[in-house]
């Protein structure tokens, strides 16, 4: 009997093509001057692809993270949050949600194209710094946040442009990984030599990056998954794998909503009876 084999890279190649086509549509819209719609085209498609690969206990949305002090994060393209025991505290008509900090497992930023001149990674690092500095999470929540970026096109990206920035920036202020669909993934990686003394990536430190030792074997690296000229499916596969591995390590993230409402649930007067 012949045993048939399913090549998962073919499955993810089809999913990646959806994102590539969304980028092409976005470029068409951008040329007409409809920049806002063009930007949303790729973001919504990536969110749909992510949401379609996660169990129903998680929801994939976009908007802001809100803490129990009322502090609000910047606009985030992707928020992955607990879905069974908690919901967002407010949802606008365009789908923008305000999600309790405690229920968030991962967050990310999506870009159609990487442009060095815009310094998108440095900007996202600033968003993470602001989040960690200005928002407070309830102490019963222990899991780390997974943070990531997705670029459909690497365009003029070069590792050399990031070296100094990465050396001088704390790891918790850097995205856990960056996925360039047409190029590879930037991730903090443990390398060990194979039988030919060649370095092989054997372990990827994602949300636990701050705990991973800095040594000769642990380095930020660009790993080019898949075959040349056909990398999108493989890089998307890593994106899914990274999210699932992180979520499987997280405890249940359910906020205590009392502090959220206590700030706003004011009372004027009342009557005592009985």
Protein backbone atom coordinates (compact mmCIF):
# COMPACT_ATOMS: atom_id res chain seq x y z
CA UNK A 1 0.00 0.00 0.00
CA UNK A 2 1.31 3.42 -0.96
CA UNK A 3 1.39 5.92 1.90
CA UNK A 4 0.46 9.38 0.75
CA UNK A 5 2.08 12.38 2.34
CA UNK A 6 0.62 15.82 2.88
CA UNK A 7 3.18 18.55 2.34
CA UNK A 8 2.17 21.30 4.76
CA UNK A 9 4.27 23.82 2.88
CA UNK A 10 1.81 23.50 -0.01
CA UNK A 11 -1.09 24.25 2.35
CA UNK A 12 0.59 27.34 3.75
CA UNK A 13 1.67 28.43 0.28
CA UNK A 14 -2.01 28.80 -0.64
CA UNK A 15 -2.68 30.82 2.53
CA UNK A 16 0.34 33.02 1.85
CA UNK A 17 -0.91 33.67 -1.66
CA UNK A 18 -4.05 35.23 -0.15
CA UNK A 19 -1.84 37.74 1.63
CA UNK A 20 0.24 38.41 -1.49
CA UNK A 21 -2.93 39.07 -3.48
CA UNK A 22 -4.19 41.40 -0.75
CA UNK A 23 -0.94 43.34 -1.05
CA UNK A 24 -1.40 43.61 -4.82
CA UNK A 25 -4.92 44.93 -4.29
CA UNK A 26 -3.60 47.37 -1.71
CA UNK A 27 -1.05 48.70 -4.18
CA UNK A 28 -3.86 49.31 -6.67
CA UNK A 29 -5.90 51.17 -4.05
CA UNK A 30 -2.85 53.13 -2.95
CA UNK A 31 -2.32 54.33 -6.51
CA UNK A 32 -5.83 55.81 -6.49
CA UNK A 33 -5.00 57.80 -3.36
CA UNK A 34 -7.16 55.67 -1.03
CA UNK A 35 -4.26 55.09 1.37
CA UNK A 36 -6.35 54.20 4.42
CA UNK A 37 -8.27 51.42 2.66
CA UNK A 38 -5.05 50.16 1.06
CA UNK A 39 -3.40 49.76 4.44
CA UNK A 40 -6.37 47.92 5.89
CA UNK A 41 -6.45 45.45 3.00
CA UNK A 42 -3.33 43.57 4.06
CA UNK A 43 -3.98 43.91 7.80
CA UNK A 44 -7.44 42.35 7.63
CA UNK A 45 -6.23 39.47 5.45
CA UNK A 46 -3.36 38.60 7.79
CA UNK A 47 -5.74 38.71 10.76
CA UNK A 48 -8.15 36.39 8.94
CA UNK A 49 -5.36 33.93 8.18
CA UNK A 50 -4.19 33.95 11.80
CA UNK A 51 -7.71 33.65 13.21
CA UNK A 52 -8.48 30.73 10.91
CA UNK A 53 -5.57 28.74 12.36
CA UNK A 54 -6.27 29.27 16.07
CA UNK A 55 -8.74 27.37 18.30
CA UNK A 56 -12.02 29.10 19.30
CA UNK A 57 -10.72 29.83 22.82
CA UNK A 58 -8.73 32.68 21.22
CA UNK A 59 -9.92 35.64 19.21
CA UNK A 60 -7.89 37.71 16.78
CA UNK A 61 -8.80 41.36 16.61
CA UNK A 62 -7.30 44.86 16.39
CA UNK A 63 -7.48 48.01 18.43
CA UNK A 64 -6.12 49.04 21.82
CA UNK A 65 -5.08 47.36 25.05
CA UNK A 66 -6.72 48.89 28.12
CA UNK A 67 -5.48 48.44 31.69
CA UNK A 68 -7.48 48.68 34.95
CA UNK A 69 -6.18 52.20 35.56
CA UNK A 70 -7.81 53.37 32.35
CA UNK A 71 -4.52 53.72 30.43
CA UNK A 72 -4.74 52.87 26.73
CA UNK A 73 -2.07 51.58 24.34
CA UNK A 74 -1.39 52.78 20.82
CA UNK A 75 -3.45 51.34 17.97
CA UNK A 76 -2.40 47.71 17.35
CA UNK A 77 -2.93 45.84 14.09
CA UNK A 78 -3.25 42.43 15.76
CA UNK A 79 -4.35 41.48 19.25
CA UNK A 80 -4.75 37.81 20.19
CA UNK A 81 -6.81 37.46 23.35
CA UNK A 82 -8.75 35.03 25.51
CA UNK A 83 -12.18 34.42 23.99
CA UNK A 84 -14.25 32.15 26.25
CA UNK A 85 -14.44 33.96 29.58
CA UNK A 86 -13.88 37.59 28.59
CA UNK A 87 -14.58 40.01 25.77
CA UNK A 88 -13.45 43.48 24.85
CA UNK A 89 -14.83 46.31 26.95
CA UNK A 90 -15.82 48.35 23.91
CA UNK A 91 -16.01 47.78 20.16
CA UNK A 92 -16.29 50.62 17.66
CA UNK A 93 -18.28 50.39 14.45
CA UNK A 94 -15.11 49.71 12.40
CA UNK A 95 -14.21 46.69 14.57
CA UNK A 96 -11.64 48.49 16.72
CA UNK A 97 -11.70 46.90 20.17
CA UNK A 98 -10.51 47.94 23.63
CA UNK A 99 -9.21 44.74 25.17
CA UNK A 100 -8.41 44.21 28.89
CA UNK A 101 -4.64 43.89 29.31
CA UNK A 102 -4.89 40.64 31.26
CA UNK A 103 -6.71 38.77 28.48
CA UNK A 104 -4.05 39.53 25.84
CA UNK A 105 -1.63 36.76 24.83
CA UNK A 106 0.05 38.31 21.78
CA UNK A 107 0.10 41.50 19.75
CA UNK A 108 1.58 42.50 16.44
CA UNK A 109 2.00 45.01 13.66
CA UNK A 110 1.39 44.32 9.97
CA UNK A 111 3.00 46.14 7.07
CA UNK A 112 2.62 45.61 3.36
CA UNK A 113 6.22 46.63 2.63
CA UNK A 114 9.35 47.25 4.69
CA UNK A 115 10.85 50.68 4.05
CA UNK A 116 14.14 51.37 5.79
CA UNK A 117 13.54 55.13 5.72
CA UNK A 118 10.38 54.74 7.83
CA UNK A 119 12.19 52.74 10.55
CA UNK A 120 9.13 50.55 11.25
CA UNK A 121 10.93 48.16 13.63
CA UNK A 122 12.28 51.03 15.70
CA UNK A 123 8.80 52.55 15.80
CA UNK A 124 7.23 49.29 16.95
CA UNK A 125 9.93 48.99 19.60
CA UNK A 126 8.79 52.38 20.89
CA UNK A 127 5.21 51.10 21.03
CA UNK A 128 6.35 48.13 23.12
CA UNK A 129 8.39 50.38 25.43
CA UNK A 130 5.36 52.61 25.99
CA UNK A 131 3.14 49.59 26.64
CA UNK A 132 5.48 48.12 29.25
CA UNK A 133 6.09 51.51 30.85
CA UNK A 134 2.60 52.99 30.99
CA UNK A 135 0.19 50.05 31.33
CA UNK A 136 -0.18 47.81 34.39
CA UNK A 137 -1.37 44.21 34.36
CA UNK A 138 -3.07 42.49 37.31
CA UNK A 139 -0.60 40.38 39.28
CA UNK A 140 -2.51 37.10 38.91
CA UNK A 141 -1.55 36.99 35.21
CA UNK A 142 1.85 35.38 34.72
CA UNK A 143 2.37 34.74 31.02
CA UNK A 144 4.60 36.91 28.86
CA UNK A 145 3.33 38.72 25.80
CA UNK A 146 4.39 37.45 22.40
CA UNK A 147 5.10 40.43 20.12
CA UNK A 148 5.64 40.19 16.40
CA UNK A 149 5.70 42.01 13.07
CA UNK A 150 4.66 40.79 9.63
CA UNK A 151 5.91 42.32 6.36
CA UNK A 152 4.59 41.01 3.05
CA UNK A 153 7.64 42.36 1.23
CA UNK A 154 11.13 42.79 2.71
CA UNK A 155 11.91 45.38 0.02
CA UNK A 156 15.13 47.20 1.06
CA UNK A 157 15.59 45.35 4.37
CA UNK A 158 19.18 44.52 5.34
CA UNK A 159 20.37 42.88 8.56
CA UNK A 160 23.25 45.35 8.79
CA UNK A 161 20.77 48.19 9.24
CA UNK A 162 19.51 46.66 12.49
CA UNK A 163 22.71 45.47 14.15
CA UNK A 164 23.45 48.59 16.19
CA UNK A 165 19.80 49.11 17.16
CA UNK A 166 19.45 45.51 18.36
CA UNK A 167 22.71 45.67 20.32
CA UNK A 168 21.54 48.77 22.18
CA UNK A 169 17.90 47.81 22.83
CA UNK A 170 16.59 45.55 25.60
CA UNK A 171 15.10 42.32 24.30
CA UNK A 172 11.70 42.94 25.90
CA UNK A 173 11.45 46.12 23.81
CA UNK A 174 12.10 44.24 20.57
CA UNK A 175 9.51 42.12 18.76
CA UNK A 176 9.78 38.44 19.70
CA UNK A 177 10.08 37.77 15.98
CA UNK A 178 9.68 39.51 12.63
CA UNK A 179 8.21 37.61 9.69
CA UNK A 180 9.17 38.78 6.19
CA UNK A 181 6.98 36.58 4.01
CA UNK A 182 9.25 36.77 0.99
CA UNK A 183 12.54 36.54 2.90
CA UNK A 184 12.66 34.91 6.33
CA UNK A 185 12.20 35.38 10.07
CA UNK A 186 14.23 37.49 12.50
CA UNK A 187 14.23 35.68 15.85
CA UNK A 188 16.44 35.16 18.91
CA UNK A 189 17.85 31.72 18.24
CA UNK A 190 20.04 29.08 19.81
CA UNK A 191 22.55 27.64 17.36
CA UNK A 192 24.45 24.38 17.74
CA UNK A 193 26.89 22.79 15.27
CA UNK A 194 25.80 19.81 13.18
CA UNK A 195 28.04 16.90 12.16
CA UNK A 196 29.80 19.14 9.67
CA UNK A 197 30.43 21.86 12.29
CA UNK A 198 27.90 24.10 10.57
CA UNK A 199 25.61 26.23 12.81
CA UNK A 200 22.02 24.96 12.86
CA UNK A 201 19.10 26.81 14.51
CA UNK A 202 17.72 24.41 17.11
CA UNK A 203 15.61 26.52 19.46
CA UNK A 204 13.68 29.74 19.05
CA UNK A 205 13.20 32.02 22.03
CA UNK A 206 9.96 33.87 21.54
CA UNK A 207 7.97 35.33 24.44
CA UNK A 208 10.59 33.97 26.84
CA UNK A 209 13.38 35.84 25.06
CA UNK A 210 14.19 37.93 28.13
CA UNK A 211 15.06 34.74 30.00
CA UNK A 212 17.18 33.20 27.24
CA UNK A 213 20.90 33.46 28.02
CA UNK A 214 23.04 35.78 25.95
CA UNK A 215 25.97 33.63 24.86
CA UNK A 216 27.91 32.58 21.80
CA UNK A 217 25.15 30.10 20.98
CA UNK A 218 22.27 32.56 21.33
CA UNK A 219 21.96 35.23 18.67
CA UNK A 220 19.43 37.37 16.89
CA UNK A 221 19.36 35.97 13.39
CA UNK A 222 17.56 36.05 10.07
CA UNK A 223 16.50 32.51 9.16
CA UNK A 224 15.44 32.08 5.54
CA UNK A 225 12.83 29.34 5.60
CA UNK A 226 11.80 27.43 2.49
CA UNK A 227 13.28 27.45 -0.97
CA UNK A 228 14.50 30.56 -2.73
CA UNK A 229 11.75 32.29 -4.74
CA UNK A 230 9.15 30.27 -2.81
CA UNK A 231 9.49 31.29 0.82
CA UNK A 232 6.10 32.79 1.70
CA UNK A 233 4.40 29.52 2.67
CA UNK A 234 7.29 28.40 4.89
CA UNK A 235 7.57 31.76 6.64
CA UNK A 236 3.82 31.79 7.25
CA UNK A 237 4.15 28.29 8.68
CA UNK A 238 6.72 29.55 11.19
CA UNK A 239 4.39 32.42 12.12
CA UNK A 240 1.62 29.94 12.93
CA UNK A 241 3.99 27.61 14.78
CA UNK A 242 5.36 30.46 16.91
CA UNK A 243 1.87 31.61 17.89
CA UNK A 244 0.67 28.11 18.75
CA UNK A 245 3.77 27.25 20.78
CA UNK A 246 3.37 30.44 22.78
CA UNK A 247 -0.37 29.98 23.38
CA UNK A 248 0.15 26.41 24.55
CA UNK A 249 2.55 27.67 27.22
CA UNK A 250 0.20 30.38 28.52
CA UNK A 251 -2.12 30.01 31.47
CA UNK A 252 -5.73 31.13 31.32
CA UNK A 253 -5.89 34.90 30.91
CA UNK A 254 -9.08 36.16 32.54
CA UNK A 255 -9.16 39.69 33.96
CA UNK A 256 -10.88 40.71 37.16
CA UNK A 257 -13.23 43.33 35.72
CA UNK A 258 -14.10 44.98 39.03
CA UNK A 259 -11.12 47.42 38.99
CA UNK A 260 -11.98 48.37 35.40
CA UNK A 261 -15.52 49.38 36.27
CA UNK A 262 -14.71 50.76 39.73
CA UNK A 263 -13.05 53.79 38.13
CA UNK A 264 -16.18 54.76 36.23
CA UNK A 265 -19.03 53.35 38.31
CA UNK A 266 -19.60 56.48 40.36
CA UNK A 267 -22.70 57.10 42.46
CA UNK A 268 -24.40 60.28 43.50
CA UNK A 269 -26.76 59.37 46.30
CA UNK A 270 -29.05 56.62 47.52
CA UNK A 271 -31.42 55.46 50.25
CA UNK A 272 -31.00 52.94 53.04
CA UNK A 273 -34.04 50.78 53.77
CA UNK A 274 -35.05 47.44 55.21
